[in-house]
Every structure is written in C-alpha cells, then in structure tokens.
C-alpha atoms as a PDB file:
ATOM      1  CA  MET A   1       0.000   0.000   0.000  1.00  0.00           C
ATOM      2  CA  LYS A   2       2.726   2.475   0.991  1.00  0.00           C
ATOM      3  CA  LYS A   3       4.641   1.888  -2.240  1.00  0.00           C
ATOM      4  CA  ASP A   4       1.601   2.982  -4.253  1.00  0.00           C
ATOM      5  CA  MET A   5       1.310   6.350  -2.498  1.00  0.00           C
ATOM      6  CA  ILE A   6       4.286   7.640  -4.501  1.00  0.00           C
ATOM      7  CA  PHE A   7       1.904   8.314  -7.381  1.00  0.00           C
ATOM      8  CA  PHE A   8      -0.311  10.709  -5.460  1.00  0.00           C
ATOM      9  CA  ALA A   9      -0.002  14.359  -4.460  1.00  0.00           C
ATOM     10  CA  THR A  10      -0.077  15.241  -0.782  1.00  0.00           C
ATOM     11  CA  ASP A  11      -1.337  18.780  -1.378  1.00  0.00           C
ATOM     12  CA  GLY A  12      -4.579  17.737  -3.046  1.00  0.00           C
ATOM     13  CA  LYS A  13      -3.393  18.940  -6.476  1.00  0.00           C
ATOM     14  CA  GLY A  14      -3.128  16.682  -9.460  1.00  0.00           C
ATOM     15  CA  LEU A  15      -5.316  14.632 -11.775  1.00  0.00           C
ATOM     16  CA  THR A  16      -8.287  12.444 -11.128  1.00  0.00           C
ATOM     17  CA  SER A  17      -8.184   8.955 -12.615  1.00  0.00           C
ATOM     18  CA  THR A  18     -10.559  10.098 -15.349  1.00  0.00           C
ATOM     19  CA  SER A  19      -8.371  13.080 -16.258  1.00  0.00           C
ATOM     20  CA  ALA A  20      -5.237  10.953 -16.111  1.00  0.00           C
ATOM     21  CA  ASN A  21      -6.782   8.436 -18.478  1.00  0.00           C
ATOM     22  CA  HIS A  22      -7.787  11.279 -20.839  1.00  0.00           C
ATOM     23  CA  ILE A  23      -4.245  12.707 -20.871  1.00  0.00           C
ATOM     24  CA  ALA A  24      -2.822   9.231 -21.476  1.00  0.00           C
ATOM     25  CA  ASN A  25      -5.130   8.798 -24.475  1.00  0.00           C
ATOM     26  CA  LEU A  26      -4.116  12.207 -25.844  1.00  0.00           C
ATOM     27  CA  ALA A  27      -0.457  11.281 -25.451  1.00  0.00           C
ATOM     28  CA  LYS A  28      -1.101   8.027 -27.278  1.00  0.00           C
ATOM     29  CA  GLU A  29      -2.725   9.906 -30.166  1.00  0.00           C
ATOM     30  CA  MET A  30       0.192  12.353 -30.268  1.00  0.00           C
ATOM     31  CA  ILE A  31       2.638   9.456 -30.426  1.00  0.00           C
ATOM     32  CA  SER A  32       0.625   7.891 -33.240  1.00  0.00           C
ATOM     33  CA  GLU A  33       0.632  11.150 -35.212  1.00  0.00           C
ATOM     34  CA  THR A  34       4.356  11.647 -34.618  1.00  0.00           C
ATOM     35  CA  ASP A  35       5.115   8.078 -35.666  1.00  0.00           C
ATOM     36  CA  THR A  36       3.180   8.702 -38.880  1.00  0.00           C
ATOM     37  CA  VAL A  37       5.249  11.820 -39.598  1.00  0.00           C
ATOM     38  CA  LEU A  38       8.498   9.955 -39.015  1.00  0.00           C
ATOM     39  CA  GLU A  39       7.383   6.937 -41.041  1.00  0.00           C
ATOM     40  CA  GLU A  40       6.383   9.131 -44.014  1.00  0.00           C
ATOM     41  CA  MET A  41       9.595  11.175 -43.925  1.00  0.00           C
ATOM     42  CA  THR A  42      11.763  10.752 -47.042  1.00  0.00           C
ATOM     43  CA  LEU A  43      15.145  12.311 -47.545  1.00  0.00           C
ATOM     44  CA  TYR A  44      14.668  12.917 -51.266  1.00  0.00           C
ATOM     45  CA  SER A  45      12.123  14.479 -53.590  1.00  0.00           C
ATOM     46  CA  THR A  46      10.429  12.672 -56.454  1.00  0.00           C
ATOM     47  CA  THR A  47       9.402  14.324 -59.728  1.00  0.00           C
ATOM     48  CA  VAL A  48       7.923  12.958 -62.906  1.00  0.00           C
ATOM     49  CA  SER A  49       7.931  14.386 -66.423  1.00  0.00           C
ATOM     50  CA  LEU A  50       7.071  13.374 -69.949  1.00  0.00           C
ATOM     51  CA  ILE A  51       9.766  12.976 -72.513  1.00  0.00           C
ATOM     52  CA  GLY A  52       9.942  16.247 -74.344  1.00  0.00           C
ATOM     53  CA  GLY A  53       7.875  17.942 -71.702  1.00  0.00           C
ATOM     54  CA  ASP A  54       8.731  21.415 -70.541  1.00  0.00           C
ATOM     55  CA  LYS A  55       8.384  21.158 -66.726  1.00  0.00           C
ATOM     56  CA  PRO A  56       8.596  18.165 -64.349  1.00  0.00           C
ATOM     57  CA  ASN A  57       5.833  17.609 -61.797  1.00  0.00           C
ATOM     58  CA  VAL A  58       6.754  17.168 -58.142  1.00  0.00           C
ATOM     59  CA  LEU A  59       5.281  13.941 -56.685  1.00  0.00           C
ATOM     60  CA  ASN A  60       6.982  14.099 -53.323  1.00  0.00           C
ATOM     61  CA  ARG A  61       9.061  16.717 -51.659  1.00  0.00           C
ATOM     62  CA  GLY A  62      11.805  15.339 -49.442  1.00  0.00           C
ATOM     63  CA  ALA A  63      12.639  16.575 -45.968  1.00  0.00           C
ATOM     64  CA  ASN A  64      14.921  19.520 -45.535  1.00  0.00           C
ATOM     65  CA  ASP A  65      17.731  19.976 -43.032  1.00  0.00           C
ATOM     66  CA  SER A  66      15.359  21.492 -40.490  1.00  0.00           C
ATOM     67  CA  ASP A  67      13.010  18.501 -40.752  1.00  0.00           C
ATOM     68  CA  VAL A  68      15.874  16.105 -40.173  1.00  0.00           C
ATOM     69  CA  GLU A  69      17.124  18.105 -37.208  1.00  0.00           C
ATOM     70  CA  SER A  70      13.609  18.011 -35.711  1.00  0.00           C
ATOM     71  CA  THR A  71      13.726  14.192 -35.686  1.00  0.00           C
ATOM     72  CA  ILE A  72      15.716  14.287 -32.459  1.00  0.00           C
ATOM     73  CA  THR A  73      13.098  16.493 -30.813  1.00  0.00           C
ATOM     74  CA  LEU A  74      10.229  14.352 -32.098  1.00  0.00           C
ATOM     75  CA  LEU A  75      11.757  11.078 -30.903  1.00  0.00           C
ATOM     76  CA  ARG A  76      12.520  12.550 -27.513  1.00  0.00           C
ATOM     77  CA  ARG A  77       8.955  13.808 -27.314  1.00  0.00           C
ATOM     78  CA  VAL A  78       7.657  10.337 -28.168  1.00  0.00           C
ATOM     79  CA  ALA A  79       9.841   8.802 -25.442  1.00  0.00           C
ATOM     80  CA  GLU A  80       8.659  11.434 -22.945  1.00  0.00           C
ATOM     81  CA  ALA A  81       5.036  10.842 -23.947  1.00  0.00           C
ATOM     82  CA  LYS A  82       5.460   7.105 -23.448  1.00  0.00           C
ATOM     83  CA  SER A  83       6.980   7.774 -20.026  1.00  0.00           C
ATOM     84  CA  LEU A  84       4.001   9.982 -19.197  1.00  0.00           C
ATOM     85  CA  ILE A  85       1.580   7.265 -20.305  1.00  0.00           C
ATOM     86  CA  ALA A  86       3.417   4.655 -18.277  1.00  0.00           C
ATOM     87  CA  TRP A  87       3.330   6.884 -15.182  1.00  0.00           C
ATOM     88  CA  LEU A  88      -0.359   7.700 -15.542  1.00  0.00           C
ATOM     89  CA  ARG A  89      -1.384   4.099 -16.285  1.00  0.00           C
ATOM     90  CA  GLU A  90       0.574   2.803 -13.294  1.00  0.00           C
ATOM     91  CA  ALA A  91      -0.923   5.520 -11.108  1.00  0.00           C
ATOM     92  CA  ILE A  92      -4.436   4.551 -12.194  1.00  0.00           C
ATOM     93  CA  LYS A  93      -3.675   0.875 -11.459  1.00  0.00           C
ATOM     94  CA  ALA A  94      -2.183   1.845  -8.106  1.00  0.00           C
ATOM     95  CA  LYS A  95      -5.378   3.660  -7.158  1.00  0.00           C
ATOM     96  CA  GLU A  96      -7.496   0.706  -8.223  1.00  0.00           C
ATOM     97  CA  ARG A  97      -5.184  -1.579  -6.270  1.00  0.00           C
ATOM     98  CA  LEU A  98      -5.554   0.534  -3.130  1.00  0.00           C
ATOM     99  CA  LEU A  99      -9.334   0.429  -3.438  1.00  0.00           C
ATOM    100  CA  GLN A 100      -9.254  -3.337  -4.012  1.00  0.00           C
ATOM    101  CA  GLU A 101      -6.987  -3.882  -1.014  1.00  0.00           C
ATOM    102  CA  LEU A 102      -9.423  -1.886   1.093  1.00  0.00           C
ATOM    103  CA  THR A 103     -12.343  -3.962  -0.183  1.00  0.00           C
ATOM    104  CA  ASP A 104     -10.450  -7.209   0.486  1.00  0.00           C
ATOM    105  CA  GLU A 105      -9.320  -6.158   3.963  1.00  0.00           C
ATOM    106  CA  THR A 106     -10.421  -8.722   6.525  1.00  0.00           C
ATOM    107  CA  LEU A 107     -11.771  -7.891   9.934  1.00  0.00           C
ATOM    108  CA  GLU A 108      -8.644  -9.398  11.494  1.00  0.00           C
ATOM    109  CA  GLU A 109      -6.371  -7.208   9.355  1.00  0.00           C
ATOM    110  CA  TYR A 110      -8.352  -4.106  10.244  1.00  0.00           C
ATOM    111  CA  ALA A 111      -8.323  -4.942  13.947  1.00  0.00           C
ATOM    112  CA  LYS A 112      -4.558  -5.464  13.920  1.00  0.00           C
ATOM    113  CA  GLU A 113      -4.000  -2.157  12.111  1.00  0.00           C
ATOM    114  CA  ALA A 114      -6.391  -0.310  14.447  1.00  0.00           C
ATOM    115  CA  GLY A 115      -4.903  -1.893  17.564  1.00  0.00           C
ATOM    116  CA  ILE A 116      -8.135  -3.681  18.430  1.00  0.00           C
ATOM    117  CA  LYS A 117      -7.875  -7.025  20.180  1.00  0.00           C
ATOM    118  CA  LEU A 118     -10.242  -9.592  18.733  1.00  0.00           C
ATOM    119  CA  ASN A 119     -11.196 -12.264  21.210  1.00  0.00           C
ATOM    120  CA  GLU A 120     -11.156 -15.814  19.953  1.00  0.00           C
ATOM    121  CA  GLN A 121     -14.493 -17.415  19.251  1.00  0.00           C
ATOM    122  CA  PRO A 122     -15.668 -19.320  22.337  1.00  0.00           C
ATOM    123  CA  LYS A 123     -15.554 -23.090  22.254  1.00  0.00           C
ATOM    124  CA  LEU A 124     -17.944 -25.509  23.890  1.00  0.00           C
ATOM    125  CA  LYS A 125     -16.272 -26.923  26.960  1.00  0.00           C
ATOM    126  CA  ASP A 126     -15.783 -30.662  27.216  1.00  0.00           C
ATOM    127  CA  ILE A 127     -18.824 -32.458  28.592  1.00  0.00           C
ATOM    128  CA  LEU A 128     -18.316 -34.957  31.383  1.00  0.00           C
ATOM    129  CA  THR A 129     -17.957 -38.566  30.199  1.00  0.00           C
ATOM    130  CA  GLU A 130     -18.927 -41.761  32.000  1.00  0.00           C
ATOM    131  CA  ASP A 131     -15.278 -42.663  32.548  1.00  0.00           C
ATOM    132  CA  GLU A 132     -14.539 -39.219  33.951  1.00  0.00           C
ATOM    133  CA  TYR A 133     -17.568 -39.394  36.244  1.00  0.00           C
ATOM    134  CA  PHE A 134     -16.588 -42.704  37.828  1.00  0.00           C
ATOM    135  CA  ALA A 135     -12.940 -41.611  37.938  1.00  0.00           C
ATOM    136  CA  SER A 136     -14.069 -38.703  40.120  1.00  0.00           C
ATOM    137  CA  ARG A 137     -15.734 -41.007  42.662  1.00  0.00           C
ATOM    138  CA  SER A 138     -14.017 -42.164  45.839  1.00  0.00           C
ATOM    139  CA  VAL A 139     -12.059 -45.418  45.834  1.00  0.00           C
ATOM    140  CA  ASP A 140     -14.739 -47.190  47.905  1.00  0.00           C
ATOM    141  CA  GLU A 141     -17.601 -45.937  45.746  1.00  0.00           C
ATOM    142  CA  ARG A 142     -15.832 -46.791  42.526  1.00  0.00           C
ATOM    143  CA  CYS A 143     -14.885 -50.248  43.805  1.00  0.00           C
ATOM    144  CA  ARG A 144     -18.476 -50.809  44.931  1.00  0.00           C
ATOM    145  CA  TYR A 145     -19.751 -49.919  41.447  1.00  0.00           C
ATOM    146  CA  TYR A 146     -17.429 -52.378  39.747  1.00  0.00           C
ATOM    147  CA  SER A 147     -18.256 -55.064  42.341  1.00  0.00           C
ATOM    148  CA  VAL A 148     -22.012 -54.646  42.071  1.00  0.00           C
ATOM    149  CA  GLU A 149     -21.864 -54.399  38.273  1.00  0.00           C
ATOM    150  CA  THR A 150     -19.805 -57.608  38.142  1.00  0.00           C
ATOM    151  CA  LEU A 151     -22.173 -59.367  40.563  1.00  0.00           C
ATOM    152  CA  ALA A 152     -25.230 -58.366  38.522  1.00  0.00           C
ATOM    153  CA  ALA A 153     -23.559 -59.552  35.304  1.00  0.00           C
ATOM    154  CA  THR A 154     -22.481 -62.843  36.863  1.00  0.00           C
ATOM    155  CA  LEU A 155     -25.877 -63.592  38.420  1.00  0.00           C
ATOM    156  CA  GLY A 156     -27.719 -62.539  35.326  1.00  0.00           C
ATOM    157  CA  LYS A 157     -25.620 -64.792  33.155  1.00  0.00           C
ATOM    158  CA  ALA A 158     -26.373 -67.774  35.451  1.00  0.00           C
ATOM    159  CA  ILE A 159     -30.129 -67.347  35.825  1.00  0.00           C
ATOM    160  CA  HIS A 160     -31.143 -65.944  32.468  1.00  0.00           C
ATOM    161  CA  PRO A 161     -32.304 -68.343  29.731  1.00  0.00           C
ATOM    162  CA  GLY A 162     -29.295 -70.238  28.505  1.00  0.00           C
ATOM    163  CA  GLY A 163     -27.407 -69.611  31.750  1.00  0.00           C
ATOM    164  CA  THR A 164     -25.754 -72.441  33.685  1.00  0.00           C
ATOM    165  CA  PHE A 165     -28.109 -72.536  36.671  1.00  0.00           C
ATOM    166  CA  ALA A 166     -31.188 -71.807  34.564  1.00  0.00           C
ATOM    167  CA  GLU A 167     -30.340 -74.720  32.262  1.00  0.00           C
ATOM    168  CA  ALA A 168     -29.622 -77.063  35.193  1.00  0.00           C
ATOM    169  CA  ARG A 169     -33.003 -76.119  36.737  1.00  0.00           C
ATOM    170  CA  LYS A 170     -34.753 -76.617  33.431  1.00  0.00           C
ATOM    171  CA  GLU A 171     -33.159 -80.021  32.939  1.00  0.00           C
ATOM    172  CA  LEU A 172     -34.110 -81.118  36.499  1.00  0.00           C
ATOM    173  CA  GLN A 173     -37.723 -80.173  35.806  1.00  0.00           C
ATOM    174  CA  ALA A 174     -37.659 -82.117  32.540  1.00  0.00           C
ATOM    175  CA  LYS A 175     -36.199 -85.253  34.170  1.00  0.00           C
ATOM    176  CA  GLY A 176     -38.784 -84.996  36.941  1.00  0.00           C
ATOM    177  CA  LYS A 177     -41.519 -85.291  34.328  1.00  0.00           C
ATOM    178  CA  LYS A 178     -39.709 -88.040  32.423  1.00  0.00           C
ATOM    179  CA  PRO A 179     -37.405 -89.952  34.819  1.00  0.00           C
ATOM    180  CA  HIS A 180     -36.623 -92.805  32.390  1.00  0.00           C
ATOM    181  CA  ASP A 181     -35.087 -93.056  28.916  1.00  0.00           C
ATOM    182  CA  VAL A 182     -34.861 -96.268  26.864  1.00  0.00           C
ATOM    183  CA  GLU A 183     -32.215 -96.971  24.215  1.00  0.00           C
ATOM    184  CA  GLY A 184     -31.788 -99.988  22.006  1.00  0.00           C
ATOM    185  CA  THR A 185     -34.011-103.102  21.502  1.00  0.00           C
ATOM    186  CA  GLY A 186     -34.239-106.647  22.757  1.00  0.00           C
ATOM    187  CA  ARG A 187     -31.497-107.907  25.007  1.00  0.00           C
ATOM    188  CA  ASP A 188     -29.446-104.783  24.210  1.00  0.00           C
ATOM    189  CA  THR A 189     -32.089-102.485  25.567  1.00  0.00           C
ATOM    190  CA  LEU A 190     -30.738 -99.917  28.027  1.00  0.00           C
ATOM    191  CA  ILE A 191     -32.882 -98.156  30.552  1.00  0.00           C
ATOM    192  CA  TYR A 192     -31.651 -94.871  31.978  1.00  0.00           C
ATOM    193  CA  THR A 193     -33.215 -93.719  35.237  1.00  0.00           C
ATOM    194  CA  TYR A 194     -32.806 -90.138  36.453  1.00  0.00           C
ATOM    195  CA  THR A 195     -32.986 -89.614  40.186  1.00  0.00           C
ATOM    196  CA  PRO A 196     -32.849 -86.080  41.635  1.00  0.00           C
ATOM    197  CA  THR A 197     -29.973 -85.607  44.077  1.00  0.00           C
ATOM    198  CA  VAL A 198     -31.323 -82.343  45.400  1.00  0.00           C
ATOM    199  CA  SER A 199     -34.698 -81.235  46.527  1.00  0.00           C
ATOM    200  CA  GLU A 200     -36.631 -79.399  43.855  1.00  0.00           C
ATOM    201  CA  LYS A 201     -37.727 -77.023  46.603  1.00  0.00           C
ATOM    202  CA  VAL A 202     -34.070 -76.202  47.383  1.00  0.00           C
ATOM    203  CA  VAL A 203     -33.384 -75.579  43.696  1.00  0.00           C
ATOM    204  CA  GLU A 204     -36.398 -73.304  43.401  1.00  0.00           C
ATOM    205  CA  ASP A 205     -35.487 -71.529  46.603  1.00  0.00           C
ATOM    206  CA  VAL A 206     -31.905 -70.918  45.400  1.00  0.00           C
ATOM    207  CA  TYR A 207     -33.145 -69.874  41.950  1.00  0.00           C
ATOM    208  CA  PHE A 208     -35.510 -67.254  43.335  1.00  0.00           C
ATOM    209  CA  ARG A 209     -32.899 -66.061  45.852  1.00  0.00           C
ATOM    210  CA  LEU A 210     -30.463 -65.628  42.963  1.00  0.00           C
ATOM    211  CA  GLN A 211     -33.148 -63.712  41.082  1.00  0.00           C
ATOM    212  CA  ALA A 212     -33.712 -61.463  44.095  1.00  0.00           C
ATOM    213  CA  GLU A 213     -29.993 -60.878  44.501  1.00  0.00           C
ATOM    214  CA  TYR A 214     -29.708 -60.169  40.784  1.00  0.00           C
ATOM    215  CA  ARG A 215     -32.576 -57.639  40.868  1.00  0.00           C
ATOM    216  CA  ASP A 216     -31.056 -55.952  43.917  1.00  0.00           C
ATOM    217  CA  ALA A 217     -27.598 -55.762  42.323  1.00  0.00           C
ATOM    218  CA  GLN A 218     -29.020 -54.599  39.025  1.00  0.00           C
ATOM    219  CA  SER A 219     -31.103 -51.971  40.837  1.00  0.00           C
ATOM    220  CA  GLN A 220     -27.962 -50.656  42.507  1.00  0.00           C
ATOM    221  CA  VAL A 221     -26.132 -50.593  39.165  1.00  0.00           C
ATOM    222  CA  ASN A 222     -29.043 -48.770  37.537  1.00  0.00           C
ATOM    223  CA  SER A 223     -29.124 -46.268  40.390  1.00  0.00           C
ATOM    224  CA  MET A 224     -25.401 -45.536  40.080  1.00  0.00           C
ATOM    225  CA  LYS A 225     -25.688 -45.284  36.299  1.00  0.00           C
ATOM    226  CA  HIS A 226     -28.636 -42.940  36.724  1.00  0.00           C
ATOM    227  CA  ASP A 227     -26.502 -40.714  38.934  1.00  0.00           C
ATOM    228  CA  CYS A 228     -23.806 -40.833  36.264  1.00  0.00           C
ATOM    229  CA  ARG A 229     -26.237 -39.892  33.466  1.00  0.00           C
ATOM    230  CA  LYS A 230     -27.648 -37.105  35.597  1.00  0.00           C
ATOM    231  CA  ALA A 231     -24.162 -35.718  36.249  1.00  0.00           C
ATOM    232  CA  ILE A 232     -23.387 -35.903  32.522  1.00  0.00           C
ATOM    233  CA  GLU A 233     -26.644 -34.121  31.627  1.00  0.00           C
ATOM    234  CA  GLU A 234     -25.961 -31.406  34.196  1.00  0.00           C
ATOM    235  CA  SER A 235     -22.450 -31.037  32.803  1.00  0.00           C
ATOM    236  CA  ALA A 236     -23.835 -30.722  29.272  1.00  0.00           C
ATOM    237  CA  ILE A 237     -26.454 -28.154  30.303  1.00  0.00           C
ATOM    238  CA  ALA A 238     -23.872 -26.102  32.191  1.00  0.00           C
ATOM    239  CA  ALA A 239     -21.392 -26.234  29.313  1.00  0.00           C
ATOM    240  CA  ARG A 240     -23.981 -25.286  26.679  1.00  0.00           C
ATOM    241  CA  THR A 241     -25.434 -22.512  28.827  1.00  0.00           C
ATOM    242  CA  GLU A 242     -21.987 -21.039  29.395  1.00  0.00           C
ATOM    243  CA  TYR A 243     -21.181 -21.438  25.683  1.00  0.00           C
ATOM    244  CA  ALA A 244     -24.407 -19.705  24.611  1.00  0.00           C
ATOM    245  CA  LYS A 245     -23.694 -16.793  26.954  1.00  0.00           C
ATOM    246  CA  ALA A 246     -20.084 -16.517  25.786  1.00  0.00           C
ATOM    247  CA  MET A 247     -21.161 -16.657  22.129  1.00  0.00           C
ATOM    248  CA  ALA A 248     -23.737 -13.901  22.684  1.00  0.00           C
ATOM    249  CA  GLU A 249     -21.082 -11.655  24.225  1.00  0.00           C
ATOM    250  CA  TRP A 250     -18.577 -12.553  21.510  1.00  0.00           C
ATOM    251  CA  ASN A 251     -21.095 -11.792  18.750  1.00  0.00           C
ATOM    252  CA  ASN A 252     -21.943  -8.430  20.291  1.00  0.00           C
ATOM    253  CA  GLU A 253     -18.265  -7.486  20.505  1.00  0.00           C
ATOM    254  CA  ARG A 254     -17.745  -8.728  16.966  1.00  0.00           C
ATOM    255  CA  LYS A 255     -20.641  -6.636  15.628  1.00  0.00           C
ATOM    256  CA  LEU A 256     -19.183  -3.498  17.170  1.00  0.00           C
ATOM    257  CA  VAL A 257     -15.836  -4.110  15.508  1.00  0.00           C
ATOM    258  CA  GLU A 258     -17.566  -4.966  12.219  1.00  0.00           C
ATOM    259  CA  ALA A 259     -19.478  -1.674  12.395  1.00  0.00           C
ATOM    260  CA  ARG A 260     -16.222   0.217  12.948  1.00  0.00           C
ATOM    261  CA  HIS A 261     -14.646  -1.701  10.080  1.00  0.00           C
ATOM    262  CA  ALA A 262     -17.513  -0.781   7.738  1.00  0.00           C
ATOM    263  CA  GLU A 263     -17.206   2.875   8.754  1.00  0.00           C
ATOM    264  CA  HIS A 264     -13.447   2.708   8.204  1.00  0.00           C
ATOM    265  CA  ILE A 265     -13.942   1.304   4.692  1.00  0.00           C
ATOM    266  CA  GLN A 266     -16.457   4.011   3.851  1.00  0.00           C
ATOM    267  CA  ILE A 267     -14.218   6.849   5.064  1.00  0.00           C
ATOM    268  CA  ARG A 268     -11.073   5.381   3.546  1.00  0.00           C
ATOM    269  CA  SER A 269     -12.827   4.799   0.208  1.00  0.00           C
ATOM    270  CA  LYS A 270     -13.708   8.477   0.000  1.00  0.00           C
ATOM    271  CA  GLU A 271     -10.116   9.393   0.846  1.00  0.00           C
ATOM    272  CA  LEU A 272      -8.782   7.110  -1.874  1.00  0.00           C
ATOM    273  CA  GLU A 273     -11.306   8.375  -4.403  1.00  0.00           C
ATOM    274  CA  ALA A 274     -10.173  11.916  -3.614  1.00  0.00           C
ATOM    275  CA  LEU A 275      -6.496  11.125  -4.243  1.00  0.00           C
ATOM    276  CA  ARG A 276      -4.990  13.138  -7.117  1.00  0.00           C
ATOM    277  CA  ILE A 277      -2.300  11.750  -9.383  1.00  0.00           C
ATOM    278  CA  ARG A 278       0.810  13.878  -9.240  1.00  0.00           C
ATOM    279  CA  ILE A 279       2.897  14.743 -12.266  1.00  0.00           C
ATOM    280  CA  PRO A 280       6.636  14.408 -11.541  1.00  0.00           C
ATOM    281  CA  GLN A 281       8.821  17.400 -12.344  1.00  0.00           C
ATOM    282  CA  SER A 282      10.562  15.453 -15.122  1.00  0.00           C
ATOM    283  CA  LEU A 283       7.211  14.883 -16.881  1.00  0.00           C
ATOM    284  CA  THR A 284       5.739  18.357 -16.353  1.00  0.00           C
ATOM    285  CA  GLU A 285       6.838  19.695 -19.735  1.00  0.00           C
ATOM    286  CA  ILE A 286       5.454  16.809 -21.775  1.00  0.00           C
ATOM    287  CA  TYR A 287       2.273  16.813 -19.675  1.00  0.00           C
ATOM    288  CA  GLU A 288       1.687  20.518 -20.438  1.00  0.00           C
ATOM    289  CA  HIS A 289       2.445  19.917 -24.122  1.00  0.00           C
ATOM    290  CA  VAL A 290      -0.074  17.064 -24.362  1.00  0.00           C
ATOM    291  CA  SER A 291      -2.602  18.972 -22.291  1.00  0.00           C
ATOM    292  CA  ASN A 292      -2.336  22.000 -24.612  1.00  0.00           C
ATOM    293  CA  LEU A 293      -2.808  19.736 -27.623  1.00  0.00           C
ATOM    294  CA  GLY A 294      -6.038  18.577 -26.046  1.00  0.00           C
ATOM    295  CA  LYS A 295      -7.201  22.154 -25.417  1.00  0.00           C
ATOM    296  CA  LYS A 296      -6.448  23.154 -29.027  1.00  0.00           C
ATOM    297  CA  ARG A 297      -8.388  20.158 -30.268  1.00  0.00           C
ATOM    298  CA  ASP A 298     -11.337  21.051 -28.059  1.00  0.00           C
ATOM    299  CA  ASN A 299     -11.259  24.656 -29.329  1.00  0.00           C
ATOM    300  CA  ARG A 300     -11.289  23.462 -32.932  1.00  0.00           C
ATOM    301  CA  SER A 301     -14.244  21.233 -32.200  1.00  0.00           C
ATOM    302  CA  ASP A 302     -16.142  24.117 -30.604  1.00  0.00           C
ATOM    303  CA  LYS A 303     -15.499  26.367 -33.623  1.00  0.00           C
ATOM    304  CA  GLU A 304     -16.549  23.662 -36.083  1.00  0.00           C
ATOM    305  CA  ALA A 305     -19.714  23.123 -34.054  1.00  0.00           C
END
C-alpha cells in the first residue's frame, strides 16, 4: 500500500483517474501522429515528367535539413510521452489496487492495524464422560460400582435363559416329568433312570434367591448409572449454557468491531477516491504539451460546431 502512495499528491493537487486516463489517451494519439510523420519522412524528392515535356511535376518533396534536425526532438517527445503514459497508467492501477486492497481487507487485518484485540471465538467446553464421572468417585464408591456391576452380570448370566443354573433347573424339571429313557431293543435295551440328588424345593429356593440378589444388584447398578447420566446431563447443560452466553457476548463485541470496520472502509474509500495523481517534475513539460494539444483540439471542435 505504501509503495503505491508515490503516485499521489499530498497537497490535493493533481489529476483524477478520469483526467489521467484522458491525458494518457491524448499522449497516445500524439505518439501515433508523430510516428506517422516519421514513417512518411523521405530524404529525397520525387518528380515525374514526360519525354519532351517542358516542366517536371513534383510527386513528393523530401525533408529539408530542419526537418531532419527536428527528428531528435520528435523522438525525444515520443519517449517522454510514453513515459508519461506509463506513469499515468501505473498511477491509475495503483489507485485501483488501493481500493481493491481496502475492499479485500479482513476484519482481522483491520483490527490489527487499528490496535483492536479480537477475542477468539468461544468453544464448547468438554462435557463430562462416564469414565470421567466414575474416575471422580471415591475409591470405595468406585470399587463398589465395579463389584455390584460384576455381581449383577455374573448372576444374570447364570439365571437368564441359557445360563448355567437356569439350564440345570430346566433339565431337572424335565427329568422330573420323564425320569426314564430307553435306548436300544431286545437284550441290548438300556434303561436310563434319572434320580434327583437335590430337593426341587431347594433348587427353586436358590433360583428365586439368585433372582432377588440379581434384581437388587441390578437396581444398585441402575441407580449408580442414573446418577452418572444425571451428572453428565448437568455437565452438558452447564457447558452449553456457558457457551451460549459466551457466544452472545462474543457476537456483540464482533458486531461493534464490524461496524467500525464498515465505517473505516467508507471513510477510507472516500479518501482514496479523492487522491490526485501527481505529475513528476521530469514529466511536467510533456504533460503541459499534451494537455495544450487537447485544449487546441477542443477549441477546434467548438469552432466547427
């Protein structure tokens, strides 16, 4: 940005981009006209005459010494005009570049330049996990949870359908209804007799006691897990509430900075639009020459109109 300011006057004098473009176009036309003069210059005259004619006719009159001497001035003027065009075109591009840089300026860039500290966007705090919850419990409480959970799992596995004790109970009941099995025929016939070795009442009593112990253990596990879920929910609510509040504050602060940024862009745009392109001392003469050519052309147009 700073490097581009070399093109602009600090005293408010100079050319607008429109005027600069007009002068550049005039200089281009002048160069074209001068190039035509130089291209058409011949260093000899051409005449034509009929055999026996009295007087030759001049077809082309060659340049004189003064015309040749003026070549140096014309070429220098062309070079100066091209330098003027280059300066004006670069100045116009510099102004457009400054305006584009202003348009592309991010909020972060503006804040840094203005010395404004932008707070980082809030982040949702970590929500308590099940592992973290039980890790925060006392040694006794944590050990009790693992013990009760293991007991419930062990009992449940034994008494649920397919479990060891449940299957043994089921098989005892089946053998009670059918105490004999026969295999084979004739003299090879085998008779299997099943005799209970325990009282069915004892089995039922143990089975229902195991069920009661299982329900009690599972109830304790469920209660502890409920406390865990509750703690996790409370953690989530607290974290989200705090996050929502922090985001509201952050957005409000952000909007204030964005408003200042928009105002800055508006003011700076007007300042950039008001910049005038300076004409360096070395290009003043050619600028005035081209400018006068433009005025003469305008005067001719007014008279013809």
